[in-house]
Protein backbone atom coordinates (compact mmCIF):
# COMPACT_ATOMS: atom_id res chain seq x y z
CA MET A 1 213.46 18.10 179.18
CA PRO A 2 212.10 15.64 176.62
CA GLN A 3 213.40 16.01 173.09
CA SER A 4 211.63 15.52 169.79
CA ILE A 5 212.26 16.22 166.13
CA ALA A 6 210.27 19.33 165.24
CA ALA A 7 210.92 19.53 161.49
CA LEU A 8 212.82 17.94 158.65
CA ALA A 9 214.05 20.06 155.73
CA LEU A 10 213.11 18.86 152.25
CA LEU A 11 214.71 20.56 149.26
CA VAL A 12 212.24 21.66 146.58
CA PRO A 13 212.61 23.70 143.38
CA ASP A 14 209.66 26.02 144.08
CA TYR A 15 207.61 26.77 147.21
CA ASP A 16 204.22 27.02 145.51
CA GLN A 17 204.71 23.89 143.42
CA ALA A 18 205.67 21.98 146.58
CA ILE A 19 202.67 23.31 148.52
CA ASP A 20 200.37 22.32 145.64
CA TYR A 21 201.72 18.76 145.73
CA TYR A 22 201.98 18.09 149.46
CA VAL A 23 198.72 19.86 150.33
CA GLY A 24 196.69 19.33 147.14
CA VAL A 25 197.75 15.78 146.29
CA LEU A 26 198.92 14.16 149.52
CA GLY A 27 196.38 16.03 151.65
CA PHE A 28 198.87 17.50 154.11
CA ASP A 29 198.07 20.59 156.15
CA LEU A 30 199.91 23.83 155.45
CA ILE A 31 200.85 24.93 158.94
CA GLU A 32 203.08 27.88 158.15
CA ASP A 33 204.02 30.02 155.17
CA THR A 34 205.99 33.07 156.32
CA LYS A 35 207.80 35.40 153.94
CA LEU A 36 211.33 36.02 155.23
CA SER A 37 212.70 37.96 152.27
CA GLU A 38 212.02 38.49 148.58
CA THR A 39 213.42 35.02 147.84
CA LYS A 40 213.01 33.03 151.06
CA ARG A 41 209.95 31.69 152.87
CA PHE A 42 209.50 29.53 155.94
CA VAL A 43 207.02 26.89 154.74
CA ARG A 44 205.97 23.91 156.83
CA VAL A 45 203.52 21.10 156.04
CA ARG A 46 202.54 17.95 157.88
CA PRO A 47 200.07 15.11 157.56
CA PRO A 48 196.53 15.88 158.72
CA ASN A 49 195.67 15.09 162.35
CA GLU A 50 199.35 15.20 163.28
CA ALA A 51 199.17 18.14 165.68
CA GLY A 52 202.32 18.25 167.73
CA GLY A 53 204.20 15.92 165.40
CA ALA A 54 207.18 16.70 163.23
CA SER A 55 206.62 18.84 160.16
CA ILE A 56 208.37 19.04 156.81
CA LEU A 57 210.13 22.33 156.14
CA LEU A 58 209.94 22.96 152.40
CA ALA A 59 213.31 24.52 151.62
CA LYS A 60 213.77 26.10 148.20
CA ALA A 61 217.10 25.03 146.70
CA LYS A 62 219.30 28.12 146.42
CA ASN A 63 222.36 26.88 144.52
CA ALA A 64 223.51 24.17 142.10
CA VAL A 65 224.53 21.75 144.86
CA GLU A 66 221.13 21.96 146.52
CA GLN A 67 219.31 21.78 143.17
CA ALA A 68 221.20 18.59 142.33
CA ALA A 69 220.06 17.03 145.61
CA ILE A 70 216.33 17.61 144.99
CA GLY A 71 214.66 14.22 144.97
CA ASP A 72 217.81 12.40 146.03
CA GLN A 73 218.48 13.56 149.57
CA SER A 74 218.70 9.93 150.71
CA GLY A 75 220.91 8.61 147.91
CA GLY A 76 218.11 6.69 146.21
CA ARG A 77 216.72 4.99 149.32
CA VAL A 78 213.27 5.48 150.79
CA PHE A 79 213.56 8.81 152.58
CA LEU A 80 210.26 9.43 154.35
CA PHE A 81 207.79 7.09 156.08
CA LEU A 82 204.15 8.11 156.13
CA HIS A 83 202.10 6.12 158.62
CA THR A 84 198.37 5.65 158.14
CA ASP A 85 195.59 4.09 160.15
CA ASP A 86 193.80 2.98 156.95
CA PHE A 87 196.06 1.75 154.17
CA VAL A 88 193.26 0.87 151.75
CA ARG A 89 191.67 4.34 152.06
CA ASP A 90 194.91 6.26 151.56
CA TYR A 91 196.24 4.02 148.80
CA ALA A 92 192.97 4.40 146.85
CA ARG A 93 192.92 8.18 147.40
CA TYR A 94 196.50 8.54 146.24
CA LEU A 95 195.82 6.41 143.16
CA GLU A 96 192.94 8.76 142.29
CA LYS A 97 195.26 11.76 142.72
CA GLY A 98 197.86 10.25 140.38
CA VAL A 99 200.58 9.51 142.95
CA ASP A 100 203.49 7.63 141.33
CA PHE A 101 203.63 4.20 143.00
CA VAL A 102 206.81 2.31 142.15
CA GLU A 103 205.60 -1.10 143.32
CA GLU A 104 202.52 -3.03 144.36
CA PRO A 105 201.39 -2.98 148.01
CA ARG A 106 202.81 -5.76 150.17
CA HIS A 107 202.67 -7.16 153.67
CA GLU A 108 205.82 -7.10 155.75
CA PRO A 109 206.35 -8.17 159.38
CA TYR A 110 205.99 -4.51 160.41
CA GLY A 111 202.77 -3.80 158.45
CA THR A 112 201.25 -3.12 155.05
CA VAL A 113 203.46 -0.95 152.82
CA VAL A 114 203.89 0.50 149.35
CA VAL A 115 206.61 2.78 147.99
CA PHE A 116 205.74 5.93 146.07
CA ARG A 117 207.77 8.68 144.45
CA ASP A 118 206.75 12.27 145.16
CA LEU A 119 206.67 15.02 142.54
CA PHE A 120 210.34 15.81 143.12
CA GLY A 121 211.68 12.23 143.07
CA ASN A 122 211.86 11.44 146.80
CA LEU A 123 210.85 7.90 147.74
CA TRP A 124 208.29 7.43 150.49
CA ASP A 125 206.81 4.41 152.26
CA LEU A 126 203.08 4.56 152.89
CA VAL A 127 202.78 2.23 155.88
CA GLN A 128 199.99 0.93 158.04
CA PRO A 129 202.00 -0.43 160.96
CA MET A 130 201.10 -3.88 162.21
CA SER A 131 200.28 -2.52 165.66
CA ARG A 132 197.63 -0.26 164.07
CA SER A 133 196.53 -2.58 161.31
CA ALA A 134 193.60 -4.45 162.84
CA ASP A 135 191.58 -3.28 159.83
CA ALA A 136 194.44 -3.75 157.37
CA PRO A 137 193.64 -5.59 154.16
CA ALA A 138 194.01 -9.34 154.39
CA PRO A 139 197.09 -10.74 152.63
CA ASN A 140 194.94 -11.99 149.74
CA GLN A 141 192.72 -8.92 149.39
CA ASN A 142 192.99 -7.77 145.80
CA LEU A 143 193.81 -4.09 145.28
CA ARG A 144 195.27 -4.86 141.86
CA THR A 145 192.07 -3.79 140.08
CA GLN A 146 192.59 -0.28 141.48
CA SER A 147 196.26 -0.06 140.58
CA PRO A 148 197.75 1.45 137.42
CA LEU A 149 200.67 -0.92 137.95
CA SER A 150 198.37 -3.89 137.22
CA ALA A 151 198.51 -3.42 133.48
CA ARG A 152 202.31 -3.53 133.55
CA ASN A 153 202.49 -6.54 135.84
CA GLN A 154 200.86 -9.65 134.42
CA ALA A 155 201.79 -11.98 137.27
CA PRO A 156 201.07 -11.17 140.92
CA ARG A 157 204.11 -10.21 142.97
CA GLY A 158 204.71 -10.65 146.67
CA ALA A 159 202.33 -11.87 149.33
CA PHE A 160 199.87 -9.00 149.13
CA PHE A 161 197.77 -10.42 146.34
């Protein structure tokens, strides 16, 4: 029998706040929200058009140890990797929604990438993989005019710009 990862648990402080962010800001689909008790729900989200793919189980932190791990489940490293078929579209949409980008977009051997921090502090890579990036922005295409990071960064960084 083939195996696959069905879900990944992500600690959050509040179910509704997490749903608002992942669905309302990142545009994910809410695929399940089942009340299990007065304090526990089974809440799953996943990127749109990802039917059959892994979902994120939004797990409400229930004690001090779990609360301390919110936003740092990977020890400060990038934790989640969100693939896209159109980097420019998704980057622009996330900028409009106020997503917290921690760097400028860049080209790497594996594709076009930018790191963002979600509402709870987790680091994500938004990636258009090279194998899917026939329409990826050219290395010199300027997205800087769209970026709130531009004002803080006088000189261009990396090979993206």
